[in-house]
PDB file of all heavy atoms in Angstrom:
ATOM      1  N   TYR A   1      -4.301   7.801  -1.246  1.00  0.00           N
ATOM      2  CA  TYR A   1      -2.888   8.077  -1.379  1.00  0.00           C
ATOM      3  C   TYR A   1      -2.346   9.100  -0.362  1.00  0.00           C
ATOM      4  O   TYR A   1      -1.051   9.290  -0.200  1.00  0.00           O
ATOM      5  CB  TYR A   1      -2.553   8.547  -2.709  1.00  0.00           C
ATOM      6  CG  TYR A   1      -3.496   9.770  -3.271  1.00  0.00           C
ATOM      7  CD1 TYR A   1      -3.210  10.957  -2.854  1.00  0.00           C
ATOM      8  CD2 TYR A   1      -4.521   9.430  -4.088  1.00  0.00           C
ATOM      9  CE1 TYR A   1      -4.059  11.943  -3.202  1.00  0.00           C
ATOM     10  CE2 TYR A   1      -5.391  10.417  -4.478  1.00  0.00           C
ATOM     11  CZ  TYR A   1      -5.159  11.720  -4.096  1.00  0.00           C
ATOM     12  OH  TYR A   1      -6.094  12.661  -4.396  1.00  0.00           O
ATOM     13  N   ASP A   2      -3.301   9.684   0.355  1.00  0.00           N
ATOM     14  CA  ASP A   2      -2.903  10.837   1.362  1.00  0.00           C
ATOM     15  C   ASP A   2      -2.362  10.136   2.597  1.00  0.00           C
ATOM     16  O   ASP A   2      -3.140   9.300   3.151  1.00  0.00           O
ATOM     17  CB  ASP A   2      -4.147  11.671   1.494  1.00  0.00           C
ATOM     18  CG  ASP A   2      -3.707  13.022   2.205  1.00  0.00           C
ATOM     19  OD1 ASP A   2      -2.892  12.895   3.103  1.00  0.00           O
ATOM     20  OD2 ASP A   2      -4.506  14.003   2.029  1.00  0.00           O
ATOM     21  N   THR A   3      -1.270  10.632   3.108  1.00  0.00           N
ATOM     22  CA  THR A   3      -0.787  10.017   4.382  1.00  0.00           C
ATOM     23  C   THR A   3      -1.780  10.231   5.489  1.00  0.00           C
ATOM     24  O   THR A   3      -1.576   9.546   6.452  1.00  0.00           O
ATOM     25  CB  THR A   3       0.641  10.537   4.593  1.00  0.00           C
ATOM     26  OG1 THR A   3       0.655  11.956   4.657  1.00  0.00           O
ATOM     27  CG2 THR A   3       1.690  10.039   3.521  1.00  0.00           C
ATOM     28  N   GLN A   4      -2.392  11.375   5.441  1.00  0.00           N
ATOM     29  CA  GLN A   4      -3.367  11.596   6.506  1.00  0.00           C
ATOM     30  C   GLN A   4      -4.529  10.562   6.525  1.00  0.00           C
ATOM     31  O   GLN A   4      -5.133  10.387   7.580  1.00  0.00           O
ATOM     32  CB  GLN A   4      -4.050  12.991   6.334  1.00  0.00           C
ATOM     33  CG  GLN A   4      -2.962  14.169   6.391  1.00  0.00           C
ATOM     34  CD  GLN A   4      -2.184  14.213   7.530  1.00  0.00           C
ATOM     35  OE1 GLN A   4      -2.705  14.059   8.638  1.00  0.00           O
ATOM     36  NE2 GLN A   4      -0.827  14.373   7.405  1.00  0.00           N
ATOM     37  N   ASN A   5      -4.667   9.891   5.373  1.00  0.00           N
ATOM     38  CA  ASN A   5      -5.792   8.823   5.299  1.00  0.00           C
ATOM     39  C   ASN A   5      -5.203   7.485   5.152  1.00  0.00           C
ATOM     40  O   ASN A   5      -5.762   6.545   4.756  1.00  0.00           O
ATOM     41  CB  ASN A   5      -6.470   9.034   3.960  1.00  0.00           C
ATOM     42  CG  ASN A   5      -7.380  10.316   4.175  1.00  0.00           C
ATOM     43  OD1 ASN A   5      -7.735  10.907   5.183  1.00  0.00           O
ATOM     44  ND2 ASN A   5      -7.732  10.964   2.923  1.00  0.00           N
ATOM     45  N   HIS A   6      -3.934   7.316   5.747  1.00  0.00           N
ATOM     46  CA  HIS A   6      -3.386   5.889   5.734  1.00  0.00           C
ATOM     47  C   HIS A   6      -4.207   4.994   6.507  1.00  0.00           C
ATOM     48  O   HIS A   6      -4.645   5.166   7.641  1.00  0.00           O
ATOM     49  CB  HIS A   6      -1.845   6.022   6.321  1.00  0.00           C
ATOM     50  CG  HIS A   6      -1.217   4.706   6.452  1.00  0.00           C
ATOM     51  ND1 HIS A   6      -1.152   3.838   5.285  1.00  0.00           N
ATOM     52  CD2 HIS A   6      -0.565   4.112   7.436  1.00  0.00           C
ATOM     53  CE1 HIS A   6      -0.520   2.868   5.778  1.00  0.00           C
ATOM     54  NE2 HIS A   6      -0.033   2.932   6.973  1.00  0.00           N
ATOM     55  N   LEU A   7      -4.491   3.844   5.821  1.00  0.00           N
ATOM     56  CA  LEU A   7      -5.400   2.794   6.448  1.00  0.00           C
ATOM     57  C   LEU A   7      -6.676   3.400   6.715  1.00  0.00           C
ATOM     58  O   LEU A   7      -7.383   3.090   7.726  1.00  0.00           O
ATOM     59  CB  LEU A   7      -4.754   2.125   7.626  1.00  0.00           C
ATOM     60  CG  LEU A   7      -3.361   1.528   7.313  1.00  0.00           C
ATOM     61  CD1 LEU A   7      -2.949   0.861   8.625  1.00  0.00           C
ATOM     62  CD2 LEU A   7      -3.471   0.437   6.183  1.00  0.00           C
ATOM     63  N   ASN A   8      -7.151   4.342   5.932  1.00  0.00           N
ATOM     64  CA  ASN A   8      -8.547   4.970   6.105  1.00  0.00           C
ATOM     65  C   ASN A   8      -9.534   3.852   6.197  1.00  0.00           C
ATOM     66  O   ASN A   8      -9.744   2.846   5.574  1.00  0.00           O
ATOM     67  CB  ASN A   8      -8.793   5.703   4.708  1.00  0.00           C
ATOM     68  CG  ASN A   8     -10.227   6.442   4.820  1.00  0.00           C
ATOM     69  OD1 ASN A   8     -11.058   6.093   5.512  1.00  0.00           O
ATOM     70  ND2 ASN A   8     -10.155   7.615   4.151  1.00  0.00           N
ATOM     71  N   SER A   9     -10.314   3.993   7.356  1.00  0.00           N
ATOM     72  CA  SER A   9     -11.318   2.948   7.704  1.00  0.00           C
ATOM     73  C   SER A   9     -12.362   2.813   6.675  1.00  0.00           C
ATOM     74  O   SER A   9     -13.040   1.699   6.722  1.00  0.00           O
ATOM     75  CB  SER A   9     -11.960   3.373   9.153  1.00  0.00           C
ATOM     76  OG  SER A   9     -12.638   4.764   8.989  1.00  0.00           O
ATOM     77  N   SER A  10     -12.570   3.798   5.845  1.00  0.00           N
ATOM     78  CA  SER A  10     -13.676   3.547   4.831  1.00  0.00           C
ATOM     79  C   SER A  10     -13.118   2.878   3.570  1.00  0.00           C
ATOM     80  O   SER A  10     -13.847   2.496   2.704  1.00  0.00           O
ATOM     81  CB  SER A  10     -14.198   4.925   4.329  1.00  0.00           C
ATOM     82  OG  SER A  10     -13.099   5.684   3.778  1.00  0.00           O
ATOM     83  N   VAL A  11     -11.906   2.488   3.694  1.00  0.00           N
ATOM     84  CA  VAL A  11     -11.264   1.647   2.520  1.00  0.00           C
ATOM     85  C   VAL A  11     -11.059   0.253   2.984  1.00  0.00           C
ATOM     86  O   VAL A  11     -10.492   0.040   4.047  1.00  0.00           O
ATOM     87  CB  VAL A  11      -9.924   2.367   2.111  1.00  0.00           C
ATOM     88  CG1 VAL A  11      -9.236   1.508   0.905  1.00  0.00           C
ATOM     89  CG2 VAL A  11     -10.213   3.724   1.650  1.00  0.00           C
ATOM     90  N   ASN A  12     -11.508  -0.731   2.185  1.00  0.00           N
ATOM     91  CA  ASN A  12     -11.402  -2.050   2.648  1.00  0.00           C
ATOM     92  C   ASN A  12     -10.039  -2.610   2.243  1.00  0.00           C
ATOM     93  O   ASN A  12      -9.818  -3.497   1.213  1.00  0.00           O
ATOM     94  CB  ASN A  12     -12.567  -2.976   2.000  1.00  0.00           C
ATOM     95  CG  ASN A  12     -12.484  -4.323   2.441  1.00  0.00           C
ATOM     96  OD1 ASN A  12     -11.993  -4.680   3.457  1.00  0.00           O
ATOM     97  ND2 ASN A  12     -12.946  -5.231   1.562  1.00  0.00           N
ATOM     98  N   TRP A  13      -8.920  -2.040   2.858  1.00  0.00           N
ATOM     99  CA  TRP A  13      -7.615  -2.544   2.524  1.00  0.00           C
ATOM    100  C   TRP A  13      -7.449  -4.006   3.069  1.00  0.00           C
ATOM    101  O   TRP A  13      -7.801  -4.391   4.149  1.00  0.00           O
ATOM    102  CB  TRP A  13      -6.581  -1.689   3.396  1.00  0.00           C
ATOM    103  CG  TRP A  13      -6.427  -0.361   2.838  1.00  0.00           C
ATOM    104  CD1 TRP A  13      -6.747   0.935   3.482  1.00  0.00           C
ATOM    105  CD2 TRP A  13      -5.690   0.027   1.574  1.00  0.00           C
ATOM    106  NE1 TRP A  13      -6.394   1.888   2.660  1.00  0.00           N
ATOM    107  CE2 TRP A  13      -5.772   1.334   1.518  1.00  0.00           C
ATOM    108  CE3 TRP A  13      -5.029  -0.670   0.552  1.00  0.00           C
ATOM    109  CZ2 TRP A  13      -5.124   2.142   0.385  1.00  0.00           C
ATOM    110  CZ3 TRP A  13      -4.426  -0.038  -0.526  1.00  0.00           C
ATOM    111  CH2 TRP A  13      -4.592   1.414  -0.502  1.00  0.00           C
ATOM    112  N   VAL A  14      -6.772  -4.757   2.293  1.00  0.00           N
ATOM    113  CA  VAL A  14      -6.596  -6.188   2.575  1.00  0.00           C
ATOM    114  C   VAL A  14      -5.094  -6.414   2.835  1.00  0.00           C
ATOM    115  O   VAL A  14      -4.327  -6.197   1.965  1.00  0.00           O
ATOM    116  CB  VAL A  14      -7.076  -7.128   1.576  1.00  0.00           C
ATOM    117  CG1 VAL A  14      -6.682  -8.560   1.849  1.00  0.00           C
ATOM    118  CG2 VAL A  14      -8.453  -6.974   1.286  1.00  0.00           C
ATOM    119  N   PRO A  15      -4.541  -6.661   4.059  1.00  0.00           N
ATOM    120  CA  PRO A  15      -3.083  -6.778   4.319  1.00  0.00           C
ATOM    121  C   PRO A  15      -2.703  -8.205   3.765  1.00  0.00           C
ATOM    122  O   PRO A  15      -3.379  -9.211   3.952  1.00  0.00           O
ATOM    123  CB  PRO A  15      -3.038  -6.687   5.853  1.00  0.00           C
ATOM    124  CG  PRO A  15      -4.500  -7.165   6.472  1.00  0.00           C
ATOM    125  CD  PRO A  15      -5.467  -6.646   5.360  1.00  0.00           C
ATOM    126  N   THR A  16      -1.522  -8.289   3.299  1.00  0.00           N
ATOM    127  CA  THR A  16      -0.980  -9.482   2.719  1.00  0.00           C
ATOM    128  C   THR A  16       0.511  -9.343   2.526  1.00  0.00           C
ATOM    129  O   THR A  16       1.055  -8.221   2.136  1.00  0.00           O
ATOM    130  CB  THR A  16      -1.674  -9.983   1.408  1.00  0.00           C
ATOM    131  OG1 THR A  16      -1.012 -11.164   0.947  1.00  0.00           O
ATOM    132  CG2 THR A  16      -1.431  -8.766   0.345  1.00  0.00           C
ATOM    133  N   SER A  17       1.292 -10.413   2.672  1.00  0.00           N
ATOM    134  CA  SER A  17       2.545 -10.443   2.248  1.00  0.00           C
ATOM    135  C   SER A  17       2.863 -10.827   0.836  1.00  0.00           C
ATOM    136  O   SER A  17       4.001 -10.874   0.324  1.00  0.00           O
ATOM    137  CB  SER A  17       3.454 -11.301   3.280  1.00  0.00           C
ATOM    138  OG  SER A  17       3.014 -12.636   3.308  1.00  0.00           O
ATOM    139  N   LYS A  18       1.762 -11.381   0.182  1.00  0.00           N
ATOM    140  CA  LYS A  18       1.842 -11.844  -1.054  1.00  0.00           C
ATOM    141  C   LYS A  18       0.675 -11.008  -1.992  1.00  0.00           C
ATOM    142  O   LYS A  18      -0.323 -11.598  -2.095  1.00  0.00           O
ATOM    143  CB  LYS A  18       1.565 -13.388  -1.203  1.00  0.00           C
ATOM    144  CG  LYS A  18       2.701 -14.131  -0.460  1.00  0.00           C
ATOM    145  CD  LYS A  18       2.530 -15.627  -0.705  1.00  0.00           C
ATOM    146  CE  LYS A  18       3.581 -16.489   0.030  1.00  0.00           C
ATOM    147  NZ  LYS A  18       3.318 -17.819  -0.186  1.00  0.00           N
ATOM    148  N   PRO A  19       1.066  -9.870  -2.408  1.00  0.00           N
ATOM    149  CA  PRO A  19      -0.010  -9.137  -3.097  1.00  0.00           C
ATOM    150  C   PRO A  19      -0.252  -9.780  -4.417  1.00  0.00           C
ATOM    151  O   PRO A  19       0.569 -10.507  -5.034  1.00  0.00           O
ATOM    152  CB  PRO A  19       0.794  -7.875  -3.332  1.00  0.00           C
ATOM    153  CG  PRO A  19       2.177  -8.103  -3.368  1.00  0.00           C
ATOM    154  CD  PRO A  19       2.327  -9.264  -2.404  1.00  0.00           C
ATOM    155  N   PRO A  20      -1.542  -9.592  -4.959  1.00  0.00           N
ATOM    156  CA  PRO A  20      -1.939 -10.170  -6.173  1.00  0.00           C
ATOM    157  C   PRO A  20      -1.132  -9.620  -7.396  1.00  0.00           C
ATOM    158  O   PRO A  20      -0.692  -8.506  -7.340  1.00  0.00           O
ATOM    159  CB  PRO A  20      -3.441  -9.800  -6.356  1.00  0.00           C
ATOM    160  CG  PRO A  20      -3.570  -8.617  -5.478  1.00  0.00           C
ATOM    161  CD  PRO A  20      -2.600  -8.783  -4.335  1.00  0.00           C
ATOM    162  N   LYS A  21      -0.833 -10.333  -8.443  1.00  0.00           N
ATOM    163  CA  LYS A  21      -0.075  -9.946  -9.665  1.00  0.00           C
ATOM    164  C   LYS A  21      -1.066  -9.990 -10.724  1.00  0.00           C
ATOM    165  O   LYS A  21      -1.908 -10.768 -10.820  1.00  0.00           O
ATOM    166  CB  LYS A  21       1.000 -10.964  -9.831  1.00  0.00           C
ATOM    167  CG  LYS A  21       2.092 -11.090  -8.739  1.00  0.00           C
ATOM    168  CD  LYS A  21       3.098 -12.180  -9.034  1.00  0.00           C
ATOM    169  CE  LYS A  21       4.061 -12.304  -7.891  1.00  0.00           C
ATOM    170  NZ  LYS A  21       5.163 -13.352  -8.058  1.00  0.00           N
ATOM    171  N   GLN A  22      -0.657  -9.151 -11.775  1.00  0.00           N
ATOM    172  CA  GLN A  22      -1.503  -9.074 -13.001  1.00  0.00           C
ATOM    173  C   GLN A  22      -2.940  -8.861 -12.836  1.00  0.00           C
ATOM    174  O   GLN A  22      -3.749  -9.387 -13.509  1.00  0.00           O
ATOM    175  CB  GLN A  22      -1.205 -10.332 -13.818  1.00  0.00           C
ATOM    176  CG  GLN A  22       0.281 -10.763 -14.094  1.00  0.00           C
ATOM    177  CD  GLN A  22       1.044  -9.537 -14.630  1.00  0.00           C
ATOM    178  OE1 GLN A  22       0.618  -8.782 -15.361  1.00  0.00           O
ATOM    179  NE2 GLN A  22       2.343  -9.509 -14.322  1.00  0.00           N
ATOM    180  N   GLN A  23      -3.308  -8.074 -11.791  1.00  0.00           N
ATOM    181  CA  GLN A  23      -4.623  -7.760 -11.447  1.00  0.00           C
ATOM    182  C   GLN A  23      -4.968  -6.409 -11.710  1.00  0.00           C
ATOM    183  O   GLN A  23      -4.302  -5.470 -11.175  1.00  0.00           O
ATOM    184  CB  GLN A  23      -4.907  -8.088  -9.977  1.00  0.00           C
ATOM    185  CG  GLN A  23      -6.362  -7.776  -9.566  1.00  0.00           C
ATOM    186  CD  GLN A  23      -6.702  -8.380  -8.175  1.00  0.00           C
ATOM    187  OE1 GLN A  23      -6.625  -9.477  -7.774  1.00  0.00           O
ATOM    188  NE2 GLN A  23      -6.673  -7.327  -7.261  1.00  0.00           N
ATOM    189  N   PRO A  24      -5.815  -6.103 -12.712  1.00  0.00           N
ATOM    190  CA  PRO A  24      -6.100  -4.616 -12.986  1.00  0.00           C
ATOM    191  C   PRO A  24      -6.785  -3.944 -11.884  1.00  0.00           C
ATOM    192  O   PRO A  24      -7.344  -4.516 -10.967  1.00  0.00           O
ATOM    193  CB  PRO A  24      -6.901  -4.716 -14.229  1.00  0.00           C
ATOM    194  CG  PRO A  24      -7.629  -6.103 -14.241  1.00  0.00           C
ATOM    195  CD  PRO A  24      -6.592  -6.916 -13.520  1.00  0.00           C
ATOM    196  N   LEU A  25      -6.937  -2.575 -11.944  1.00  0.00           N
ATOM    197  CA  LEU A  25      -7.723  -1.771 -11.068  1.00  0.00           C
ATOM    198  C   LEU A  25      -7.292  -2.040  -9.599  1.00  0.00           C
ATOM    199  O   LEU A  25      -8.221  -2.001  -8.731  1.00  0.00           O
ATOM    200  CB  LEU A  25      -9.147  -1.976 -11.352  1.00  0.00           C
ATOM    201  CG  LEU A  25      -9.616  -1.717 -12.713  1.00  0.00           C
ATOM    202  CD1 LEU A  25     -11.188  -1.770 -12.885  1.00  0.00           C
ATOM    203  CD2 LEU A  25      -9.162  -0.209 -13.254  1.00  0.00           C
ATOM    204  N   THR A  26      -6.012  -2.131  -9.250  1.00  0.00           N
ATOM    205  CA  THR A  26      -5.642  -2.449  -7.986  1.00  0.00           C
ATOM    206  C   THR A  26      -4.742  -1.351  -7.365  1.00  0.00           C
ATOM    207  O   THR A  26      -3.829  -0.958  -8.009  1.00  0.00           O
ATOM    208  CB  THR A  26      -4.848  -3.885  -7.993  1.00  0.00           C
ATOM    209  OG1 THR A  26      -5.825  -4.821  -8.534  1.00  0.00           O
ATOM    210  CG2 THR A  26      -4.423  -4.117  -6.623  1.00  0.00           C
ATOM    211  N   TRP A  27      -5.083  -1.017  -6.149  1.00  0.00           N
ATOM    212  CA  TRP A  27      -4.211  -0.138  -5.323  1.00  0.00           C
ATOM    213  C   TRP A  27      -3.336  -1.011  -4.433  1.00  0.00           C
ATOM    214  O   TRP A  27      -3.799  -1.843  -3.828  1.00  0.00           O
ATOM    215  CB  TRP A  27      -5.037   0.823  -4.508  1.00  0.00           C
ATOM    216  CG  TRP A  27      -5.799   1.757  -5.248  1.00  0.00           C
ATOM    217  CD1 TRP A  27      -7.016   1.563  -5.793  1.00  0.00           C
ATOM    218  CD2 TRP A  27      -5.568   3.136  -5.458  1.00  0.00           C
ATOM    219  NE1 TRP A  27      -7.525   2.680  -6.402  1.00  0.00           N
ATOM    220  CE2 TRP A  27      -6.697   3.701  -6.166  1.00  0.00           C
ATOM    221  CE3 TRP A  27      -4.525   4.003  -5.178  1.00  0.00           C
ATOM    222  CZ2 TRP A  27      -6.692   5.044  -6.669  1.00  0.00           C
ATOM    223  CZ3 TRP A  27      -4.594   5.293  -5.494  1.00  0.00           C
ATOM    224  CH2 TRP A  27      -5.551   5.864  -6.247  1.00  0.00           C
ATOM    225  N   TYR A  28      -2.022  -0.580  -4.414  1.00  0.00           N
ATOM    226  CA  TYR A  28      -1.125  -1.326  -3.558  1.00  0.00           C
ATOM    227  C   TYR A  28      -0.431  -0.185  -2.640  1.00  0.00           C
ATOM    228  O   TYR A  28      -0.157   0.903  -2.967  1.00  0.00           O
ATOM    229  CB  TYR A  28       0.106  -1.869  -4.411  1.00  0.00           C
ATOM    230  CG  TYR A  28      -0.365  -3.020  -5.284  1.00  0.00           C
ATOM    231  CD1 TYR A  28      -0.609  -2.575  -6.688  1.00  0.00           C
ATOM    232  CD2 TYR A  28      -0.619  -4.306  -4.917  1.00  0.00           C
ATOM    233  CE1 TYR A  28      -0.959  -3.621  -7.559  1.00  0.00           C
ATOM    234  CE2 TYR A  28      -0.860  -5.366  -5.754  1.00  0.00           C
ATOM    235  CZ  TYR A  28      -1.165  -4.943  -7.168  1.00  0.00           C
ATOM    236  OH  TYR A  28      -1.506  -5.808  -8.015  1.00  0.00           O
ATOM    237  N   LYS A  29      -0.301  -0.570  -1.412  1.00  0.00           N
ATOM    238  CA  LYS A  29       0.338   0.338  -0.380  1.00  0.00           C
ATOM    239  C   LYS A  29       1.333  -0.476   0.487  1.00  0.00           C
ATOM    240  O   LYS A  29       1.047  -1.619   0.868  1.00  0.00           O
ATOM    241  CB  LYS A  29      -0.749   0.960   0.465  1.00  0.00           C
ATOM    242  CG  LYS A  29      -0.163   1.863   1.549  1.00  0.00           C
ATOM    243  CD  LYS A  29      -1.217   2.540   2.350  1.00  0.00           C
ATOM    244  CE  LYS A  29      -2.124   3.490   1.588  1.00  0.00           C
ATOM    245  NZ  LYS A  29      -3.072   4.257   2.520  1.00  0.00           N
ATOM    246  N   ALA A  30       2.561   0.143   0.764  1.00  0.00           N
ATOM    247  CA  ALA A  30       3.502  -0.443   1.584  1.00  0.00           C
ATOM    248  C   ALA A  30       4.154   0.657   2.324  1.00  0.00           C
ATOM    249  O   ALA A  30       4.393   1.812   1.899  1.00  0.00           O
ATOM    250  CB  ALA A  30       4.431  -1.182   0.850  1.00  0.00           C
ATOM    251  N   VAL A  31       4.595   0.307   3.603  1.00  0.00           N
ATOM    252  CA  VAL A  31       5.339   1.284   4.395  1.00  0.00           C
ATOM    253  C   VAL A  31       6.767   0.821   4.425  1.00  0.00           C
ATOM    254  O   VAL A  31       7.148  -0.210   4.929  1.00  0.00           O
ATOM    255  CB  VAL A  31       4.785   1.373   5.815  1.00  0.00           C
ATOM    256  CG1 VAL A  31       5.452   2.405   6.695  1.00  0.00           C
ATOM    257  CG2 VAL A  31       3.281   1.682   5.772  1.00  0.00           C
ATOM    258  N   VAL A  32       7.608   1.653   3.758  1.00  0.00           N
ATOM    259  CA  VAL A  32       9.102   1.223   3.562  1.00  0.00           C
ATOM    260  C   VAL A  32      10.100   2.265   4.163  1.00  0.00           C
ATOM    261  O   VAL A  32       9.802   3.397   4.481  1.00  0.00           O
ATOM    262  CB  VAL A  32       9.287   1.164   2.087  1.00  0.00           C
ATOM    263  CG1 VAL A  32       8.283   0.022   1.568  1.00  0.00           C
ATOM    264  CG2 VAL A  32       9.079   2.416   1.395  1.00  0.00           C
ATOM    265  N   ASN A  33      11.308   1.689   4.244  1.00  0.00           N
ATOM    266  CA  ASN A  33      12.481   2.569   4.553  1.00  0.00           C
ATOM    267  C   ASN A  33      12.850   3.255   3.402  1.00  0.00           C
ATOM    268  O   ASN A  33      12.684   2.831   2.223  1.00  0.00           O
ATOM    269  CB  ASN A  33      13.618   1.687   5.228  1.00  0.00           C
ATOM    270  CG  ASN A  33      13.293   1.184   6.567  1.00  0.00           C
ATOM    271  OD1 ASN A  33      12.531   1.974   7.311  1.00  0.00           O
ATOM    272  ND2 ASN A  33      13.996   0.184   6.991  1.00  0.00           N
ATOM    273  N   SER A  34      13.718   4.368   3.498  1.00  0.00           N
ATOM    274  CA  SER A  34      14.284   5.085   2.496  1.00  0.00           C
ATOM    275  C   SER A  34      15.493   4.353   1.968  1.00  0.00           C
ATOM    276  O   SER A  34      16.055   3.494   2.710  1.00  0.00           O
ATOM    277  CB  SER A  34      14.703   6.514   2.783  1.00  0.00           C
ATOM    278  OG  SER A  34      15.733   6.441   3.798  1.00  0.00           O
ATOM    279  N   PRO A  35      15.857   4.407   0.667  1.00  0.00           N
ATOM    280  CA  PRO A  35      16.976   3.680   0.285  1.00  0.00           C
ATOM    281  C   PRO A  35      18.219   4.212   0.977  1.00  0.00           C
ATOM    282  O   PRO A  35      18.354   5.462   1.200  1.00  0.00           O
ATOM    283  CB  PRO A  35      17.070   4.037  -1.316  1.00  0.00           C
ATOM    284  CG  PRO A  35      15.774   4.522  -1.588  1.00  0.00           C
ATOM    285  CD  PRO A  35      15.153   5.067  -0.309  1.00  0.00           C
ATOM    286  N   PRO A  36      19.368   3.368   1.122  1.00  0.00           N
ATOM    287  CA  PRO A  36      20.460   3.922   1.746  1.00  0.00           C
ATOM    288  C   PRO A  36      21.270   4.904   1.009  1.00  0.00           C
ATOM    289  O   PRO A  36      21.061   5.003  -0.271  1.00  0.00           O
ATOM    290  CB  PRO A  36      21.373   2.637   2.029  1.00  0.00           C
ATOM    291  CG  PRO A  36      20.883   1.704   0.802  1.00  0.00           C
ATOM    292  CD  PRO A  36      19.434   1.996   0.696  1.00  0.00           C
ATOM    293  N   GLY A  37      22.104   5.803   1.721  1.00  0.00           N
ATOM    294  CA  GLY A  37      22.919   6.771   1.029  1.00  0.00           C
ATOM    295  C   GLY A  37      22.043   8.046   0.762  1.00  0.00           C
ATOM    296  O   GLY A  37      20.942   8.167   1.129  1.00  0.00           O
ATOM    297  N   GLN A  38      22.791   8.967  -0.148  1.00  0.00           N
ATOM    298  CA  GLN A  38      22.165  10.142  -0.458  1.00  0.00           C
ATOM    299  C   GLN A  38      22.090  10.391  -1.991  1.00  0.00           C
ATOM    300  O   GLN A  38      21.775  11.548  -2.487  1.00  0.00           O
ATOM    301  CB  GLN A  38      22.982  11.362   0.134  1.00  0.00           C
ATOM    302  CG  GLN A  38      22.874  11.309   1.778  1.00  0.00           C
ATOM    303  CD  GLN A  38      21.526  11.616   2.209  1.00  0.00           C
ATOM    304  OE1 GLN A  38      20.826  12.392   1.568  1.00  0.00           O
ATOM    305  NE2 GLN A  38      21.036  10.857   3.209  1.00  0.00           N
TER     306      GLN A  38
END
């Protein structure tokens, strides 16, 4: 979860545009824009 370890090579991150649903014990990561406005 640490931004310094983003895409940590020791973690087997699987990139996908269709993340699994209803799957336990799952970490999800996405790089996103901030919501508009203040």
